[in-house]
N, C-alpha and C. Protein backbone atom coordinates (compact mmCIF):
# COMPACT_ATOMS: atom_id res chain seq x y z
N MET A 1 0.79 -1.18 0.00
CA MET A 1 0.00 0.00 0.00
C MET A 1 0.84 1.26 0.00
N GLY A 2 2.13 1.14 0.13
CA GLY A 2 2.99 2.30 0.02
C GLY A 2 3.29 3.02 1.31
N GLY A 3 2.79 2.54 2.43
CA GLY A 3 3.07 3.20 3.71
C GLY A 3 4.53 3.07 4.08
N ASP A 4 5.14 4.16 4.54
CA ASP A 4 6.54 4.10 4.94
C ASP A 4 6.82 4.80 6.26
N THR A 5 5.75 5.21 6.98
CA THR A 5 5.94 5.95 8.22
C THR A 5 4.95 5.48 9.28
N LEU A 6 5.46 5.21 10.48
CA LEU A 6 4.61 4.88 11.62
C LEU A 6 4.38 6.16 12.43
N VAL A 7 3.16 6.33 12.94
CA VAL A 7 2.84 7.50 13.78
C VAL A 7 2.16 6.99 15.05
N PRO A 8 2.93 6.34 15.93
CA PRO A 8 2.34 5.83 17.17
C PRO A 8 2.19 6.94 18.21
N THR A 9 1.19 6.82 19.05
CA THR A 9 1.06 7.73 20.18
C THR A 9 2.13 7.37 21.19
N VAL A 10 3.06 8.29 21.47
CA VAL A 10 4.14 8.01 22.40
C VAL A 10 3.90 8.64 23.77
N ALA A 11 2.95 9.56 23.86
CA ALA A 11 2.58 10.14 25.16
C ALA A 11 1.13 10.58 25.11
N VAL A 12 0.32 10.03 25.99
CA VAL A 12 -1.09 10.40 26.07
C VAL A 12 -1.54 10.27 27.52
N TYR A 13 -2.20 11.31 28.00
CA TYR A 13 -2.69 11.34 29.37
C TYR A 13 -1.58 10.95 30.34
N GLN A 14 -1.68 9.83 31.02
CA GLN A 14 -0.64 9.45 31.99
C GLN A 14 0.27 8.34 31.48
N MET A 15 0.46 8.22 30.19
CA MET A 15 1.27 7.15 29.61
C MET A 15 2.33 7.74 28.70
N SER A 16 3.53 7.23 28.76
CA SER A 16 4.55 7.59 27.78
C SER A 16 5.39 6.35 27.49
N LEU A 17 5.84 6.26 26.26
CA LEU A 17 6.61 5.10 25.80
C LEU A 17 8.12 5.37 25.80
N TYR A 18 8.54 6.36 26.54
CA TYR A 18 9.96 6.71 26.63
C TYR A 18 10.21 7.21 28.05
N PRO A 19 11.46 7.26 28.48
CA PRO A 19 11.76 7.78 29.81
C PRO A 19 11.39 9.26 29.88
N SER A 20 10.36 9.58 30.62
CA SER A 20 9.81 10.93 30.66
C SER A 20 10.18 11.63 31.95
N ARG A 21 10.58 12.89 31.84
CA ARG A 21 10.83 13.69 33.05
C ARG A 21 9.52 14.25 33.59
N HIS A 22 8.55 14.46 32.71
CA HIS A 22 7.28 15.05 33.13
C HIS A 22 6.34 14.00 33.71
N ASN A 23 6.19 12.89 33.03
CA ASN A 23 5.27 11.84 33.45
C ASN A 23 5.97 10.78 34.28
N VAL A 24 6.78 11.21 35.24
CA VAL A 24 7.60 10.27 36.00
C VAL A 24 6.78 9.27 36.81
N ASP A 25 5.57 9.63 37.19
CA ASP A 25 4.73 8.71 37.95
C ASP A 25 4.17 7.58 37.09
N HIS A 26 4.29 7.73 35.79
CA HIS A 26 3.68 6.77 34.88
C HIS A 26 4.71 5.99 34.07
N VAL A 27 5.97 6.16 34.41
CA VAL A 27 7.04 5.42 33.76
C VAL A 27 7.78 4.65 34.84
N VAL A 28 7.88 3.38 34.68
CA VAL A 28 8.59 2.54 35.65
C VAL A 28 10.10 2.76 35.49
N PRO A 29 10.79 3.15 36.58
CA PRO A 29 12.24 3.35 36.48
C PRO A 29 12.92 2.09 35.94
N GLY A 30 13.81 2.30 35.00
CA GLY A 30 14.53 1.17 34.41
C GLY A 30 13.74 0.43 33.35
N SER A 31 12.54 0.91 33.01
CA SER A 31 11.75 0.23 32.00
C SER A 31 12.34 0.46 30.61
N LEU A 32 11.92 -0.33 29.69
CA LEU A 32 12.42 -0.24 28.32
C LEU A 32 12.01 1.07 27.68
N ASP A 33 12.86 1.58 26.80
CA ASP A 33 12.56 2.76 26.00
C ASP A 33 11.89 2.23 24.73
N ILE A 34 10.57 2.18 24.75
CA ILE A 34 9.81 1.59 23.64
C ILE A 34 10.01 2.38 22.35
N VAL A 35 10.13 3.70 22.45
CA VAL A 35 10.36 4.51 21.25
C VAL A 35 11.68 4.12 20.60
N ARG A 36 12.72 3.90 21.40
CA ARG A 36 14.03 3.49 20.84
C ARG A 36 13.91 2.13 20.16
N ILE A 37 13.15 1.23 20.74
CA ILE A 37 12.94 -0.09 20.13
C ILE A 37 12.20 0.05 18.81
N LEU A 38 11.15 0.87 18.79
CA LEU A 38 10.40 1.11 17.55
C LEU A 38 11.30 1.72 16.48
N LEU A 39 12.14 2.66 16.88
CA LEU A 39 13.06 3.27 15.91
C LEU A 39 14.03 2.24 15.33
N ALA A 40 14.53 1.34 16.16
CA ALA A 40 15.44 0.30 15.68
C ALA A 40 14.75 -0.58 14.64
N LYS A 41 13.49 -0.93 14.90
CA LYS A 41 12.74 -1.73 13.93
C LYS A 41 12.50 -0.94 12.64
N CYS A 42 12.17 0.34 12.79
CA CYS A 42 11.95 1.19 11.61
C CYS A 42 13.23 1.29 10.78
N GLU A 43 14.37 1.47 11.45
CA GLU A 43 15.64 1.53 10.73
C GLU A 43 15.89 0.22 9.97
N LYS A 44 15.62 -0.90 10.63
CA LYS A 44 15.86 -2.21 10.02
C LYS A 44 15.02 -2.41 8.76
N TYR A 45 13.79 -1.92 8.77
CA TYR A 45 12.88 -2.16 7.65
C TYR A 45 12.66 -0.94 6.76
N GLY A 46 13.47 0.11 6.94
CA GLY A 46 13.40 1.28 6.07
C GLY A 46 12.16 2.14 6.26
N LEU A 47 11.65 2.19 7.48
CA LEU A 47 10.47 3.00 7.79
C LEU A 47 10.87 4.26 8.55
N GLY A 48 9.94 5.21 8.61
CA GLY A 48 10.12 6.40 9.42
C GLY A 48 9.17 6.33 10.61
N LEU A 49 9.45 7.13 11.63
CA LEU A 49 8.59 7.17 12.80
C LEU A 49 8.38 8.63 13.22
N ILE A 50 7.13 8.99 13.43
CA ILE A 50 6.75 10.29 13.96
C ILE A 50 6.00 10.02 15.26
N GLY A 51 6.52 10.52 16.38
CA GLY A 51 5.89 10.29 17.67
C GLY A 51 4.76 11.26 17.92
N GLU A 52 3.58 10.75 18.25
CA GLU A 52 2.42 11.60 18.48
C GLU A 52 2.21 11.86 19.97
N PHE A 53 1.90 13.10 20.32
CA PHE A 53 1.66 13.52 21.69
C PHE A 53 0.23 14.02 21.85
N TYR A 54 -0.37 13.71 22.98
CA TYR A 54 -1.63 14.32 23.39
C TYR A 54 -1.88 14.01 24.85
N PRO A 55 -2.29 14.93 25.65
CA PRO A 55 -2.27 16.37 25.42
C PRO A 55 -1.01 17.03 25.96
N GLU A 56 -0.15 16.30 26.64
CA GLU A 56 1.02 16.87 27.29
C GLU A 56 2.18 17.01 26.32
N CYS A 57 2.63 18.21 26.09
CA CYS A 57 3.67 18.44 25.08
C CYS A 57 4.88 19.18 25.60
N ARG A 58 5.08 19.20 26.91
CA ARG A 58 6.21 19.95 27.46
C ARG A 58 7.55 19.33 27.13
N GLU A 59 7.56 18.11 26.64
CA GLU A 59 8.84 17.43 26.38
C GLU A 59 9.13 17.25 24.89
N LEU A 60 8.47 18.00 24.03
CA LEU A 60 8.70 17.82 22.59
C LEU A 60 10.15 18.01 22.21
N ASP A 61 10.77 19.10 22.68
CA ASP A 61 12.16 19.35 22.32
C ASP A 61 13.09 18.29 22.92
N ARG A 62 12.78 17.82 24.12
CA ARG A 62 13.60 16.78 24.75
C ARG A 62 13.50 15.47 23.96
N LEU A 63 12.27 15.13 23.53
CA LEU A 63 12.10 13.89 22.76
C LEU A 63 12.84 13.98 21.43
N ALA A 64 12.72 15.14 20.76
CA ALA A 64 13.40 15.31 19.47
C ALA A 64 14.92 15.20 19.64
N GLY A 65 15.45 15.81 20.69
CA GLY A 65 16.88 15.72 20.95
C GLY A 65 17.32 14.31 21.30
N ARG A 66 16.48 13.59 22.01
CA ARG A 66 16.81 12.23 22.46
C ARG A 66 16.95 11.26 21.28
N TYR A 67 16.13 11.44 20.25
CA TYR A 67 16.09 10.47 19.15
C TYR A 67 16.61 11.00 17.82
N LYS A 68 17.19 12.20 17.81
CA LYS A 68 17.64 12.79 16.55
C LYS A 68 18.76 12.00 15.87
N ASP A 69 19.43 11.13 16.61
CA ASP A 69 20.50 10.33 16.03
C ASP A 69 19.98 9.21 15.13
N SER A 70 18.69 8.91 15.20
CA SER A 70 18.13 7.83 14.41
C SER A 70 17.67 8.34 13.04
N PRO A 71 18.15 7.71 11.96
CA PRO A 71 17.69 8.13 10.63
C PRO A 71 16.20 7.86 10.41
N ALA A 72 15.60 7.04 11.25
CA ALA A 72 14.17 6.75 11.11
C ALA A 72 13.29 7.80 11.80
N PHE A 73 13.88 8.61 12.67
CA PHE A 73 13.09 9.61 13.41
C PHE A 73 12.74 10.76 12.48
N ARG A 74 11.46 10.95 12.25
CA ARG A 74 10.99 11.98 11.33
C ARG A 74 10.33 13.16 12.04
N GLY A 75 10.25 13.13 13.37
CA GLY A 75 9.70 14.27 14.09
C GLY A 75 8.60 13.90 15.04
N VAL A 76 7.85 14.92 15.46
CA VAL A 76 6.75 14.73 16.39
C VAL A 76 5.47 15.30 15.80
N CYS A 77 4.36 14.85 16.33
CA CYS A 77 3.04 15.27 15.87
C CYS A 77 2.20 15.58 17.10
N LEU A 78 1.39 16.61 17.02
CA LEU A 78 0.48 16.95 18.11
C LEU A 78 -0.93 16.52 17.73
N ARG A 79 -1.56 15.77 18.58
CA ARG A 79 -2.96 15.40 18.37
C ARG A 79 -3.80 16.51 19.00
N LEU A 80 -4.40 17.32 18.19
CA LEU A 80 -5.18 18.45 18.69
C LEU A 80 -6.66 18.16 18.60
N MET A 81 -7.35 18.34 19.69
CA MET A 81 -8.80 18.19 19.75
C MET A 81 -9.35 19.47 20.34
N SER A 82 -9.88 20.34 19.51
CA SER A 82 -10.27 21.67 19.96
C SER A 82 -11.34 21.65 21.04
N TRP A 83 -12.16 20.61 21.09
CA TRP A 83 -13.19 20.55 22.12
C TRP A 83 -12.60 20.31 23.51
N VAL A 84 -11.37 19.81 23.56
CA VAL A 84 -10.70 19.56 24.83
C VAL A 84 -9.55 20.54 25.04
N ASP A 85 -8.80 20.78 23.99
CA ASP A 85 -7.54 21.50 24.11
C ASP A 85 -7.28 22.22 22.79
N PRO A 86 -7.32 23.56 22.76
CA PRO A 86 -7.10 24.26 21.50
C PRO A 86 -5.68 24.12 20.99
N GLY A 87 -4.78 23.57 21.78
CA GLY A 87 -3.43 23.32 21.33
C GLY A 87 -2.47 24.46 21.57
N LEU A 88 -2.97 25.66 21.86
CA LEU A 88 -2.07 26.79 22.03
C LEU A 88 -1.16 26.63 23.24
N ASN A 89 -1.62 25.91 24.26
CA ASN A 89 -0.77 25.72 25.44
C ASN A 89 0.25 24.62 25.23
N ASN A 90 0.25 23.97 24.10
CA ASN A 90 1.20 22.89 23.84
C ASN A 90 2.53 23.39 23.29
N PHE A 91 2.56 24.62 22.83
CA PHE A 91 3.78 25.14 22.22
C PHE A 91 4.58 25.92 23.24
N ARG A 92 5.89 25.77 23.19
CA ARG A 92 6.75 26.42 24.18
C ARG A 92 6.92 27.91 23.90
N SER A 93 6.77 28.32 22.64
CA SER A 93 6.87 29.74 22.30
C SER A 93 6.18 29.97 20.96
N LEU A 94 6.02 31.23 20.60
CA LEU A 94 5.40 31.55 19.30
C LEU A 94 6.34 31.28 18.14
N ASP A 95 7.60 30.94 18.41
CA ASP A 95 8.56 30.63 17.36
C ASP A 95 8.35 29.24 16.76
N TRP A 96 7.60 28.37 17.44
CA TRP A 96 7.39 27.02 16.93
C TRP A 96 6.68 27.10 15.60
N GLY A 97 7.17 26.35 14.62
CA GLY A 97 6.54 26.32 13.31
C GLY A 97 6.97 27.46 12.41
N CYS A 98 7.94 28.27 12.85
CA CYS A 98 8.37 29.42 12.05
C CYS A 98 9.76 29.21 11.46
N ASP A 99 10.16 27.97 11.23
CA ASP A 99 11.45 27.69 10.61
C ASP A 99 11.35 27.97 9.11
N ASP A 100 12.49 28.05 8.43
CA ASP A 100 12.51 28.38 7.00
C ASP A 100 11.68 27.41 6.17
N TYR A 101 11.78 26.12 6.46
CA TYR A 101 11.05 25.11 5.69
C TYR A 101 9.54 25.31 5.81
N THR A 102 9.04 25.48 7.04
CA THR A 102 7.60 25.62 7.25
C THR A 102 7.08 26.92 6.65
N VAL A 103 7.82 28.01 6.83
CA VAL A 103 7.41 29.29 6.24
C VAL A 103 7.40 29.18 4.72
N GLY A 104 8.39 28.50 4.16
CA GLY A 104 8.43 28.29 2.71
C GLY A 104 7.22 27.52 2.21
N LEU A 105 6.82 26.48 2.94
CA LEU A 105 5.62 25.73 2.56
C LEU A 105 4.38 26.60 2.62
N PHE A 106 4.28 27.43 3.67
CA PHE A 106 3.15 28.35 3.80
C PHE A 106 3.09 29.27 2.59
N GLU A 107 4.22 29.87 2.24
CA GLU A 107 4.25 30.80 1.10
C GLU A 107 3.88 30.11 -0.21
N LYS A 108 4.38 28.91 -0.39
CA LYS A 108 4.10 28.15 -1.63
C LYS A 108 2.62 27.78 -1.72
N GLU A 109 2.05 27.31 -0.62
CA GLU A 109 0.68 26.81 -0.65
C GLU A 109 -0.37 27.91 -0.64
N THR A 110 -0.05 29.08 -0.07
CA THR A 110 -1.04 30.16 0.01
C THR A 110 -0.80 31.26 -1.01
N GLY A 111 0.39 31.32 -1.57
CA GLY A 111 0.72 32.41 -2.48
C GLY A 111 1.00 33.71 -1.75
N LEU A 112 1.09 33.67 -0.43
CA LEU A 112 1.35 34.85 0.39
C LEU A 112 2.80 34.87 0.84
N ALA A 113 3.37 36.05 0.94
CA ALA A 113 4.70 36.18 1.54
C ALA A 113 4.52 36.12 3.06
N ALA A 114 5.49 35.59 3.76
CA ALA A 114 5.40 35.50 5.22
C ALA A 114 5.18 36.90 5.78
N GLY A 115 4.21 37.03 6.67
CA GLY A 115 3.89 38.31 7.26
C GLY A 115 2.84 39.10 6.50
N GLU A 116 2.56 38.70 5.27
CA GLU A 116 1.53 39.38 4.47
C GLU A 116 0.16 38.82 4.83
N SER A 117 -0.79 39.69 5.06
CA SER A 117 -2.14 39.21 5.38
C SER A 117 -2.99 39.18 4.12
N ARG A 118 -4.05 38.42 4.14
CA ARG A 118 -4.97 38.37 3.01
C ARG A 118 -5.60 39.74 2.74
N ASN A 119 -5.88 40.50 3.82
CA ASN A 119 -6.47 41.83 3.64
C ASN A 119 -5.51 42.77 2.93
N ALA A 120 -4.24 42.72 3.28
CA ALA A 120 -3.25 43.59 2.63
C ALA A 120 -3.11 43.22 1.16
N ARG A 121 -3.20 41.95 0.85
CA ARG A 121 -3.06 41.49 -0.53
C ARG A 121 -4.24 41.96 -1.38
N ALA A 122 -5.43 41.98 -0.77
CA ALA A 122 -6.63 42.37 -1.50
C ALA A 122 -6.63 43.85 -1.85
N LEU A 123 -5.88 44.68 -1.06
CA LEU A 123 -5.82 46.12 -1.32
C LEU A 123 -4.94 46.34 -2.49
């Protein structure tokens, strides 16, 4: 079917599949790092892995740093459910999502220059 990326939930409510500093009550000390095991399998079979978080996202940068050495690690994903959590409290700063690649995609897909509003364009 052409699938080449796994997107497992790695942290949800009181569960995490990696050694967590935030969810310490829900991770057994000395337990296996399930995300590392999944990455090893993905590397072996040529797959990518994107770890999904909901709703606790205070460790996104720590998780990315922890697994950046794996060629299978493709990033993180936020599961946003506006009826529960608008997602704005999940980001550490307003700089998230403002890297050159993401801004370039925005400009390409909308036809707008970064910082240009639709109202300004219409004038």
